[in-house]
Every structure is written in C-alpha cells, then in structure tokens.
Amino acid sequence: MLNFREFEAGPDPFGRKWQILFKWMQTAISLRHSDTVDVKFILTDAEGESQEKTIAIPHADLILVSQELDRPFDDPWCCRIGAMHLMHLIETGEDMEKSLVTLTPADLRRHAKSLAESERSAIAAR
C-alpha cells in the first residue's frame, strides 16, 4: 500500500495531479459530535492551489468491516482507507467540491477488501 502520509494522486478529470499530505486522524465525536473516524489531508496541485479534505469513516461500519475481514481495527488501517477514498475522489471528480466526505458502507467495504488483498499479496511476496 502507498505511504498514506505523503503521496501523489490523479490525474483528476481536468488532468491535474495532486500532492497529498496527511494532516491528522481523529475521532470526530470530539470535533463534530459525530461517531466517525476523520482522516484529514491537504491537497496541492502543480499551480500551488491548495485545499483540505476530510474523509469521515463511520465508526459502526468500521467495526463491522474489520470483523468481516478478521482484521484488527487500527489507526494505519483507517488512514489507508481514507487515502484510498481520497484517490478515488480525485480520479473521478466525485465530491471534490466538498471539504468533508463521509464514506458509504459500500465504499468502505470496497476499499477495505482491496487493502486486504494488497496486504495478503505483500505478505505472500516475502
């Protein structure tokens, strides 16, 4: 899996590539009284345009998916799922006008399963 702390994403529908910097991950109950895990990123394009995106992952869905995959629920896993969803948003242009994007259960499962497959492949390659 990519380094979720600093990576490049794109091109977006307008052909731009974005440099992404992980800013923080927090439980949003303390921020917004929301039962989510929020993962915040700073995006900068080649012209220096910068924006922030927060990917909100519902806590109850995280618990269910981690149990379904028999995978520990930890901070790096949440950050990687947030990074995967951000890459999806950039490549499709979906929800790019929003600064806060909440994952649907289907998106969370798709990203978690993809991440699990890449983790299994990396382990098998060792």
Protein backbone atom coordinates (compact mmCIF):
# COMPACT_ATOMS: atom_id res chain seq x y z
CA MET A 1 0.00 0.00 0.00
CA LEU A 2 1.07 3.53 -0.67
CA ASN A 3 2.51 5.70 2.04
CA PHE A 4 -0.67 7.40 3.26
CA ARG A 5 1.36 10.24 4.82
CA GLU A 6 2.57 11.73 1.54
CA PHE A 7 1.67 10.63 -1.99
CA GLU A 8 0.60 11.77 -5.44
CA ALA A 9 -2.91 11.24 -6.83
CA GLY A 10 -4.50 11.82 -10.20
CA PRO A 11 -4.88 12.85 -12.80
CA ASP A 12 -8.27 14.30 -11.95
CA PRO A 13 -10.90 14.83 -14.69
CA PHE A 14 -9.11 18.10 -15.60
CA GLY A 15 -5.71 16.42 -16.00
CA ARG A 16 -4.22 17.78 -12.76
CA LYS A 17 -2.02 15.74 -10.44
CA TRP A 18 -2.25 16.41 -6.72
CA GLN A 19 0.36 16.12 -3.99
CA ILE A 20 -1.31 14.81 -0.87
CA LEU A 21 -0.13 15.31 2.68
CA PHE A 22 -1.74 13.53 5.61
CA LYS A 23 -2.60 16.07 8.31
CA TRP A 24 -4.29 14.10 11.10
CA MET A 25 -6.70 11.36 12.11
CA GLN A 26 -9.15 11.87 14.98
CA THR A 27 -12.36 10.51 16.35
CA ALA A 28 -14.92 13.08 15.30
CA ILE A 29 -17.06 12.76 18.39
CA SER A 30 -14.77 15.36 19.94
CA LEU A 31 -14.80 17.55 16.80
CA ARG A 32 -18.31 17.39 15.39
CA HIS A 33 -20.25 15.16 17.80
CA SER A 34 -20.17 12.55 15.06
CA ASP A 35 -19.43 8.85 15.55
CA THR A 36 -16.81 8.73 12.81
CA VAL A 37 -13.08 8.48 12.41
CA ASP A 38 -11.98 11.56 10.45
CA VAL A 39 -8.86 11.49 8.29
CA LYS A 40 -7.72 14.91 7.07
CA PHE A 41 -5.49 15.57 4.06
CA ILE A 42 -4.02 18.66 2.40
CA LEU A 43 -4.08 18.59 -1.41
CA THR A 44 -1.85 20.82 -3.56
CA ASP A 45 -1.76 20.92 -7.36
CA ALA A 46 1.14 21.96 -9.64
CA GLU A 47 -0.01 25.60 -9.70
CA GLY A 48 0.00 25.76 -5.92
CA GLU A 49 -3.77 25.58 -5.45
CA SER A 50 -4.34 24.01 -2.07
CA GLN A 51 -7.39 22.56 -0.40
CA GLU A 52 -8.21 20.37 2.56
CA LYS A 53 -10.36 17.24 2.51
CA THR A 54 -11.62 15.28 5.47
CA ILE A 55 -12.71 11.71 4.90
CA ALA A 56 -15.21 10.66 7.58
CA ILE A 57 -15.48 6.92 8.18
CA PRO A 58 -18.48 5.84 10.28
CA HIS A 59 -17.27 4.02 13.40
CA ALA A 60 -20.02 1.37 13.42
CA ASP A 61 -19.23 0.47 9.79
CA LEU A 62 -15.51 0.25 10.60
CA ILE A 63 -16.23 -2.23 13.37
CA LEU A 64 -18.43 -4.38 11.12
CA VAL A 65 -15.96 -4.44 8.24
CA SER A 66 -12.98 -5.17 10.49
CA GLN A 67 -14.91 -8.13 11.94
CA GLU A 68 -15.97 -9.35 8.48
CA LEU A 69 -12.35 -9.29 7.31
CA ASP A 70 -11.00 -10.58 10.63
CA ARG A 71 -8.59 -7.65 10.60
CA PRO A 72 -7.57 -5.53 13.58
CA PHE A 73 -9.11 -2.08 13.67
CA ASP A 74 -6.13 0.28 13.97
CA ASP A 75 -5.09 3.82 13.06
CA PRO A 76 -2.96 2.98 9.98
CA TRP A 77 -5.83 0.91 8.53
CA CYS A 78 -8.24 3.84 8.90
CA CYS A 79 -5.72 6.26 7.36
CA ARG A 80 -5.09 3.96 4.39
CA ILE A 81 -8.83 3.58 3.78
CA GLY A 82 -9.17 7.38 3.90
CA ALA A 83 -6.28 7.76 1.44
CA MET A 84 -7.81 5.19 -0.91
CA HIS A 85 -11.12 7.03 -0.89
CA LEU A 86 -9.40 10.36 -1.48
CA MET A 87 -7.62 8.89 -4.50
CA HIS A 88 -10.99 7.68 -5.81
CA LEU A 89 -12.48 11.16 -5.35
CA ILE A 90 -9.61 12.81 -7.20
CA GLU A 91 -9.64 10.37 -10.12
CA THR A 92 -13.42 10.57 -10.59
CA GLY A 93 -14.03 14.19 -9.56
CA GLU A 94 -16.78 12.88 -7.28
CA ASP A 95 -17.49 15.11 -4.25
CA MET A 96 -14.43 17.30 -4.94
CA GLU A 97 -16.48 20.39 -4.11
CA LYS A 98 -16.91 19.11 -0.55
CA SER A 99 -14.38 19.57 2.23
CA LEU A 100 -15.98 16.78 4.32
CA VAL A 101 -16.87 13.48 2.64
CA THR A 102 -18.46 10.58 4.53
CA LEU A 103 -17.80 7.07 3.25
CA THR A 104 -20.77 4.89 2.45
CA PRO A 105 -20.72 1.33 3.80
CA ALA A 106 -20.23 0.06 0.21
CA ASP A 107 -17.21 2.33 -0.35
CA LEU A 108 -15.70 1.29 2.97
CA ARG A 109 -16.08 -2.42 2.15
CA ARG A 110 -14.62 -1.93 -1.33
CA HIS A 111 -11.55 -0.09 -0.04
CA ALA A 112 -11.06 -2.46 2.92
CA LYS A 113 -11.26 -5.54 0.68
CA SER A 114 -8.81 -4.01 -1.80
CA LEU A 115 -6.44 -3.15 1.03
CA ALA A 116 -6.74 -6.68 2.47
CA GLU A 117 -5.84 -8.17 -0.93
CA SER A 118 -2.78 -5.94 -1.28
CA GLU A 119 -1.68 -6.81 2.27
CA ARG A 120 -2.02 -10.55 1.55
CA SER A 121 -0.02 -10.14 -1.68
CA ALA A 122 2.74 -8.25 0.14
CA ILE A 123 2.95 -10.94 2.82
CA ALA A 124 2.99 -13.74 0.23
CA ALA A 125 5.80 -11.99 -1.67
CA ARG A 126 8.05 -12.05 1.40
